């Protein structure tokens, strides 16, 4: 029994160590896309938030600590590049990472549609929270105008990004290796 527990602990450590390069590559790609692609595909000054999408993807696949770390770092970089108030998006992405990664991991195993729905809810909550923070600190003057002009279109843009990325990641995403004789996922 103890050998089995030690073997499982060793597998868990191996999967945690193998997650770090995936998280770093995902974060790097999100930063590059946010800097180089997002301004070029803006519609009426609404840009997609690649960093929010990356944080939700990391939170769904990798757990609380790595996703909160990635959320804080990517949020801080977003604040630096967007030239907004420093720390607002870092706080929001950290909150989103924690809340998304705290969900039951088994519910994401069945369908990428649940992950997409999680992204839409996280994007709505994140963009709404961003508008509230900007209104409270005085960076935005009218909350309702910001909600209609920036928040809702940005949330829809993030949802479209998720619609494109989730099927790809469901096909090539991280899947846990099963032990011989053990069925996982929807065949249980």
C-alpha atoms as a PDB file:
ATOM      1  CA  UNK A   1       0.000   0.000   0.000  1.00  0.00           C
ATOM      2  CA  UNK A   2       2.813   2.423   0.868  1.00  0.00           C
ATOM      3  CA  UNK A   3       4.679   1.578  -2.344  1.00  0.00           C
ATOM      4  CA  UNK A   4       1.590   2.388  -4.347  1.00  0.00           C
ATOM      5  CA  UNK A   5       1.203   5.717  -2.535  1.00  0.00           C
ATOM      6  CA  UNK A   6       4.886   6.550  -3.143  1.00  0.00           C
ATOM      7  CA  UNK A   7       4.576   5.655  -6.837  1.00  0.00           C
ATOM      8  CA  UNK A   8       1.498   7.872  -7.135  1.00  0.00           C
ATOM      9  CA  UNK A   9       3.283  10.724  -5.333  1.00  0.00           C
ATOM     10  CA  UNK A  10       6.197  10.344  -7.740  1.00  0.00           C
ATOM     11  CA  UNK A  11       3.839  10.503 -10.722  1.00  0.00           C
ATOM     12  CA  UNK A  12       2.203  13.618  -9.298  1.00  0.00           C
ATOM     13  CA  UNK A  13       5.593  15.308  -8.925  1.00  0.00           C
ATOM     14  CA  UNK A  14       6.502  14.337 -12.503  1.00  0.00           C
ATOM     15  CA  UNK A  15       3.287  15.825 -13.866  1.00  0.00           C
ATOM     16  CA  UNK A  16       3.770  19.015 -11.821  1.00  0.00           C
ATOM     17  CA  UNK A  17       7.325  19.386 -13.153  1.00  0.00           C
ATOM     18  CA  UNK A  18       6.159  18.759 -16.710  1.00  0.00           C
ATOM     19  CA  UNK A  19       3.449  21.421 -16.327  1.00  0.00           C
ATOM     20  CA  UNK A  20       5.935  24.255 -15.799  1.00  0.00           C
ATOM     21  CA  UNK A  21       7.206  24.416 -19.407  1.00  0.00           C
ATOM     22  CA  UNK A  22       3.629  24.228 -20.720  1.00  0.00           C
ATOM     23  CA  UNK A  23       2.583  27.103 -18.462  1.00  0.00           C
ATOM     24  CA  UNK A  24       5.593  29.198 -19.456  1.00  0.00           C
ATOM     25  CA  UNK A  25       5.025  28.578 -23.177  1.00  0.00           C
ATOM     26  CA  UNK A  26       1.305  29.337 -22.860  1.00  0.00           C
ATOM     27  CA  UNK A  27       2.077  32.564 -20.987  1.00  0.00           C
ATOM     28  CA  UNK A  28       4.730  33.608 -23.509  1.00  0.00           C
ATOM     29  CA  UNK A  29       2.403  32.981 -26.445  1.00  0.00           C
ATOM     30  CA  UNK A  30      -0.343  34.990 -24.709  1.00  0.00           C
ATOM     31  CA  UNK A  31       2.018  37.937 -24.146  1.00  0.00           C
ATOM     32  CA  UNK A  32       3.210  37.882 -27.763  1.00  0.00           C
ATOM     33  CA  UNK A  33      -0.348  37.677 -29.078  1.00  0.00           C
ATOM     34  CA  UNK A  34      -1.482  40.487 -26.770  1.00  0.00           C
ATOM     35  CA  UNK A  35       1.322  42.772 -27.891  1.00  0.00           C
ATOM     36  CA  UNK A  36       1.510  41.967 -31.594  1.00  0.00           C
ATOM     37  CA  UNK A  37      -1.894  40.677 -32.694  1.00  0.00           C
ATOM     38  CA  UNK A  38      -4.502  42.208 -30.374  1.00  0.00           C
ATOM     39  CA  UNK A  39      -3.995  45.855 -31.430  1.00  0.00           C
ATOM     40  CA  UNK A  40      -4.226  44.850 -35.094  1.00  0.00           C
ATOM     41  CA  UNK A  41      -7.554  43.029 -34.745  1.00  0.00           C
ATOM     42  CA  UNK A  42      -9.272  45.644 -32.600  1.00  0.00           C
ATOM     43  CA  UNK A  43     -12.884  46.404 -33.442  1.00  0.00           C
ATOM     44  CA  UNK A  44     -14.008  49.893 -32.345  1.00  0.00           C
ATOM     45  CA  UNK A  45     -11.086  50.091 -29.881  1.00  0.00           C
ATOM     46  CA  UNK A  46     -12.084  46.766 -28.286  1.00  0.00           C
ATOM     47  CA  UNK A  47      -9.191  44.333 -28.172  1.00  0.00           C
ATOM     48  CA  UNK A  48      -9.283  40.688 -27.154  1.00  0.00           C
ATOM     49  CA  UNK A  49      -7.656  39.818 -23.853  1.00  0.00           C
ATOM     50  CA  UNK A  50      -5.373  36.913 -24.747  1.00  0.00           C
ATOM     51  CA  UNK A  51      -3.915  36.966 -21.249  1.00  0.00           C
ATOM     52  CA  UNK A  52      -7.312  36.378 -19.626  1.00  0.00           C
ATOM     53  CA  UNK A  53      -7.936  33.452 -21.964  1.00  0.00           C
ATOM     54  CA  UNK A  54      -4.488  32.004 -21.176  1.00  0.00           C
ATOM     55  CA  UNK A  55      -5.045  32.310 -17.425  1.00  0.00           C
ATOM     56  CA  UNK A  56      -8.404  30.517 -17.642  1.00  0.00           C
ATOM     57  CA  UNK A  57      -6.835  27.757 -19.760  1.00  0.00           C
ATOM     58  CA  UNK A  58      -3.997  27.372 -17.274  1.00  0.00           C
ATOM     59  CA  UNK A  59      -6.448  27.349 -14.360  1.00  0.00           C
ATOM     60  CA  UNK A  60      -8.573  24.655 -15.955  1.00  0.00           C
ATOM     61  CA  UNK A  61      -5.624  22.391 -16.726  1.00  0.00           C
ATOM     62  CA  UNK A  62      -3.004  22.967 -14.032  1.00  0.00           C
ATOM     63  CA  UNK A  63      -4.359  23.834 -10.602  1.00  0.00           C
ATOM     64  CA  UNK A  64      -4.418  26.693  -8.148  1.00  0.00           C
ATOM     65  CA  UNK A  65      -0.819  27.683  -7.411  1.00  0.00           C
ATOM     66  CA  UNK A  66       0.514  27.737 -10.998  1.00  0.00           C
ATOM     67  CA  UNK A  67      -2.587  29.476 -12.313  1.00  0.00           C
ATOM     68  CA  UNK A  68      -2.556  32.161  -9.605  1.00  0.00           C
ATOM     69  CA  UNK A  69       1.125  32.813 -10.270  1.00  0.00           C
ATOM     70  CA  UNK A  70       0.513  33.008 -14.005  1.00  0.00           C
ATOM     71  CA  UNK A  71      -2.528  35.217 -13.423  1.00  0.00           C
ATOM     72  CA  UNK A  72      -0.569  37.698 -11.345  1.00  0.00           C
ATOM     73  CA  UNK A  73       2.396  37.856 -13.742  1.00  0.00           C
ATOM     74  CA  UNK A  74       0.260  38.083 -16.882  1.00  0.00           C
ATOM     75  CA  UNK A  75      -2.004  40.672 -15.252  1.00  0.00           C
ATOM     76  CA  UNK A  76       0.978  42.779 -14.267  1.00  0.00           C
ATOM     77  CA  UNK A  77       2.340  42.582 -17.812  1.00  0.00           C
ATOM     78  CA  UNK A  78      -1.100  43.505 -19.164  1.00  0.00           C
ATOM     79  CA  UNK A  79      -1.168  46.580 -16.922  1.00  0.00           C
ATOM     80  CA  UNK A  80       2.301  47.586 -18.093  1.00  0.00           C
ATOM     81  CA  UNK A  81       1.503  47.179 -21.784  1.00  0.00           C
ATOM     82  CA  UNK A  82      -1.980  48.723 -21.627  1.00  0.00           C
ATOM     83  CA  UNK A  83      -0.621  51.722 -19.700  1.00  0.00           C
ATOM     84  CA  UNK A  84      -3.508  51.584 -17.269  1.00  0.00           C
ATOM     85  CA  UNK A  85      -3.471  51.641 -13.502  1.00  0.00           C
ATOM     86  CA  UNK A  86      -0.805  49.233 -12.310  1.00  0.00           C
ATOM     87  CA  UNK A  87      -2.082  46.183 -10.458  1.00  0.00           C
ATOM     88  CA  UNK A  88      -5.754  46.218 -11.442  1.00  0.00           C
ATOM     89  CA  UNK A  89      -5.584  43.473 -14.069  1.00  0.00           C
ATOM     90  CA  UNK A  90      -3.040  41.574 -11.935  1.00  0.00           C
ATOM     91  CA  UNK A  91      -5.583  41.414  -9.121  1.00  0.00           C
ATOM     92  CA  UNK A  92      -8.436  40.491 -11.457  1.00  0.00           C
ATOM     93  CA  UNK A  93      -6.545  37.706 -13.238  1.00  0.00           C
ATOM     94  CA  UNK A  94      -5.349  36.300  -9.915  1.00  0.00           C
ATOM     95  CA  UNK A  95      -8.935  36.221  -8.626  1.00  0.00           C
ATOM     96  CA  UNK A  96     -10.125  34.585 -11.862  1.00  0.00           C
ATOM     97  CA  UNK A  97      -7.308  32.022 -11.733  1.00  0.00           C
ATOM     98  CA  UNK A  98      -8.101  31.093  -8.146  1.00  0.00           C
ATOM     99  CA  UNK A  99     -11.844  30.844  -8.654  1.00  0.00           C
ATOM    100  CA  UNK A 100     -11.578  28.880 -11.914  1.00  0.00           C
ATOM    101  CA  UNK A 101      -8.942  26.473 -10.627  1.00  0.00           C
ATOM    102  CA  UNK A 102     -10.960  25.860  -7.458  1.00  0.00           C
ATOM    103  CA  UNK A 103     -13.796  24.337  -9.460  1.00  0.00           C
ATOM    104  CA  UNK A 104     -14.209  20.579  -9.578  1.00  0.00           C
ATOM    105  CA  UNK A 105     -11.624  19.233 -12.025  1.00  0.00           C
ATOM    106  CA  UNK A 106     -13.828  16.305 -13.011  1.00  0.00           C
ATOM    107  CA  UNK A 107     -16.379  18.537 -14.675  1.00  0.00           C
ATOM    108  CA  UNK A 108     -13.840  19.647 -17.309  1.00  0.00           C
ATOM    109  CA  UNK A 109     -13.031  16.068 -18.314  1.00  0.00           C
ATOM    110  CA  UNK A 110     -16.333  15.431 -20.072  1.00  0.00           C
ATOM    111  CA  UNK A 111     -16.521  18.213 -22.630  1.00  0.00           C
ATOM    112  CA  UNK A 112     -14.681  21.246 -23.889  1.00  0.00           C
ATOM    113  CA  UNK A 113     -18.044  23.038 -23.952  1.00  0.00           C
ATOM    114  CA  UNK A 114     -17.984  23.234 -20.155  1.00  0.00           C
ATOM    115  CA  UNK A 115     -14.536  24.808 -20.352  1.00  0.00           C
ATOM    116  CA  UNK A 116     -15.817  27.273 -22.942  1.00  0.00           C
ATOM    117  CA  UNK A 117     -18.762  28.175 -20.707  1.00  0.00           C
ATOM    118  CA  UNK A 118     -16.327  28.657 -17.830  1.00  0.00           C
ATOM    119  CA  UNK A 119     -14.260  30.985 -20.031  1.00  0.00           C
ATOM    120  CA  UNK A 120     -17.329  33.032 -20.989  1.00  0.00           C
ATOM    121  CA  UNK A 121     -18.372  33.424 -17.354  1.00  0.00           C
ATOM    122  CA  UNK A 122     -14.785  34.255 -16.306  1.00  0.00           C
ATOM    123  CA  UNK A 123     -14.444  36.781 -19.147  1.00  0.00           C
ATOM    124  CA  UNK A 124     -17.725  38.469 -18.227  1.00  0.00           C
ATOM    125  CA  UNK A 125     -16.783  38.588 -14.558  1.00  0.00           C
ATOM    126  CA  UNK A 126     -13.226  39.768 -15.299  1.00  0.00           C
ATOM    127  CA  UNK A 127     -14.214  42.490 -17.745  1.00  0.00           C
ATOM    128  CA  UNK A 128     -17.037  43.651 -15.470  1.00  0.00           C
ATOM    129  CA  UNK A 129     -14.703  43.744 -12.477  1.00  0.00           C
ATOM    130  CA  UNK A 130     -12.152  45.665 -14.556  1.00  0.00           C
ATOM    131  CA  UNK A 131     -14.757  48.286 -15.451  1.00  0.00           C
ATOM    132  CA  UNK A 132     -15.840  48.580 -11.815  1.00  0.00           C
ATOM    133  CA  UNK A 133     -12.236  49.060 -10.645  1.00  0.00           C
ATOM    134  CA  UNK A 134     -11.533  51.656 -13.343  1.00  0.00           C
ATOM    135  CA  UNK A 135     -14.715  53.544 -12.426  1.00  0.00           C
ATOM    136  CA  UNK A 136     -13.963  53.448  -8.694  1.00  0.00           C
ATOM    137  CA  UNK A 137     -10.401  54.753  -9.067  1.00  0.00           C
ATOM    138  CA  UNK A 138     -11.555  57.451 -11.492  1.00  0.00           C
ATOM    139  CA  UNK A 139      -9.901  56.220 -14.663  1.00  0.00           C
ATOM    140  CA  UNK A 140     -13.321  55.764 -16.330  1.00  0.00           C
ATOM    141  CA  UNK A 141     -16.035  58.322 -15.740  1.00  0.00           C
ATOM    142  CA  UNK A 142     -19.250  56.594 -16.815  1.00  0.00           C
ATOM    143  CA  UNK A 143     -19.794  52.987 -15.761  1.00  0.00           C
ATOM    144  CA  UNK A 144     -22.795  52.215 -18.007  1.00  0.00           C
ATOM    145  CA  UNK A 145     -21.091  53.655 -21.069  1.00  0.00           C
ATOM    146  CA  UNK A 146     -18.002  51.585 -20.282  1.00  0.00           C
ATOM    147  CA  UNK A 147     -20.167  48.512 -19.795  1.00  0.00           C
ATOM    148  CA  UNK A 148     -21.872  48.838 -23.179  1.00  0.00           C
ATOM    149  CA  UNK A 149     -18.934  50.109 -25.224  1.00  0.00           C
ATOM    150  CA  UNK A 150     -16.030  48.109 -23.759  1.00  0.00           C
ATOM    151  CA  UNK A 151     -17.028  45.367 -21.322  1.00  0.00           C
ATOM    152  CA  UNK A 152     -19.651  43.387 -23.241  1.00  0.00           C
ATOM    153  CA  UNK A 153     -17.872  43.501 -26.632  1.00  0.00           C
ATOM    154  CA  UNK A 154     -14.602  42.532 -24.980  1.00  0.00           C
ATOM    155  CA  UNK A 155     -16.290  39.596 -23.239  1.00  0.00           C
ATOM    156  CA  UNK A 156     -17.725  38.434 -26.571  1.00  0.00           C
ATOM    157  CA  UNK A 157     -14.307  38.765 -28.180  1.00  0.00           C
ATOM    158  CA  UNK A 158     -12.785  36.604 -25.430  1.00  0.00           C
ATOM    159  CA  UNK A 159     -15.559  34.035 -25.906  1.00  0.00           C
ATOM    160  CA  UNK A 160     -14.814  33.835 -29.633  1.00  0.00           C
ATOM    161  CA  UNK A 161     -11.140  33.281 -28.788  1.00  0.00           C
ATOM    162  CA  UNK A 162     -12.169  30.478 -26.477  1.00  0.00           C
ATOM    163  CA  UNK A 163     -14.397  29.012 -29.183  1.00  0.00           C
ATOM    164  CA  UNK A 164     -11.354  28.815 -31.437  1.00  0.00           C
ATOM    165  CA  UNK A 165      -8.851  27.621 -28.802  1.00  0.00           C
ATOM    166  CA  UNK A 166     -10.821  25.113 -26.715  1.00  0.00           C
ATOM    167  CA  UNK A 167     -11.418  22.506 -29.442  1.00  0.00           C
ATOM    168  CA  UNK A 168      -7.735  22.662 -30.369  1.00  0.00           C
ATOM    169  CA  UNK A 169      -6.636  22.287 -26.779  1.00  0.00           C
ATOM    170  CA  UNK A 170      -9.187  19.549 -26.151  1.00  0.00           C
ATOM    171  CA  UNK A 171      -7.509  17.575 -28.915  1.00  0.00           C
ATOM    172  CA  UNK A 172      -3.898  18.329 -27.986  1.00  0.00           C
ATOM    173  CA  UNK A 173      -4.319  19.441 -24.378  1.00  0.00           C
ATOM    174  CA  UNK A 174      -2.932  17.857 -21.262  1.00  0.00           C
ATOM    175  CA  UNK A 175      -4.447  14.474 -20.543  1.00  0.00           C
ATOM    176  CA  UNK A 176      -3.640  12.382 -17.548  1.00  0.00           C
ATOM    177  CA  UNK A 177      -2.142   8.989 -18.230  1.00  0.00           C
ATOM    178  CA  UNK A 178      -4.244   6.180 -16.901  1.00  0.00           C
ATOM    179  CA  UNK A 179      -2.992   3.162 -15.072  1.00  0.00           C
ATOM    180  CA  UNK A 180      -3.513  -0.190 -16.783  1.00  0.00           C
ATOM    181  CA  UNK A 181      -6.972  -1.545 -16.109  1.00  0.00           C
ATOM    182  CA  UNK A 182      -8.372   1.817 -14.941  1.00  0.00           C
ATOM    183  CA  UNK A 183     -10.840   3.708 -17.082  1.00  0.00           C
ATOM    184  CA  UNK A 184     -11.054   7.461 -16.668  1.00  0.00           C
ATOM    185  CA  UNK A 185     -13.243  10.155 -18.115  1.00  0.00           C
ATOM    186  CA  UNK A 186     -16.694   9.480 -19.522  1.00  0.00           C
ATOM    187  CA  UNK A 187     -16.326   5.685 -19.600  1.00  0.00           C
ATOM    188  CA  UNK A 188     -16.231   5.312 -15.829  1.00  0.00           C
END
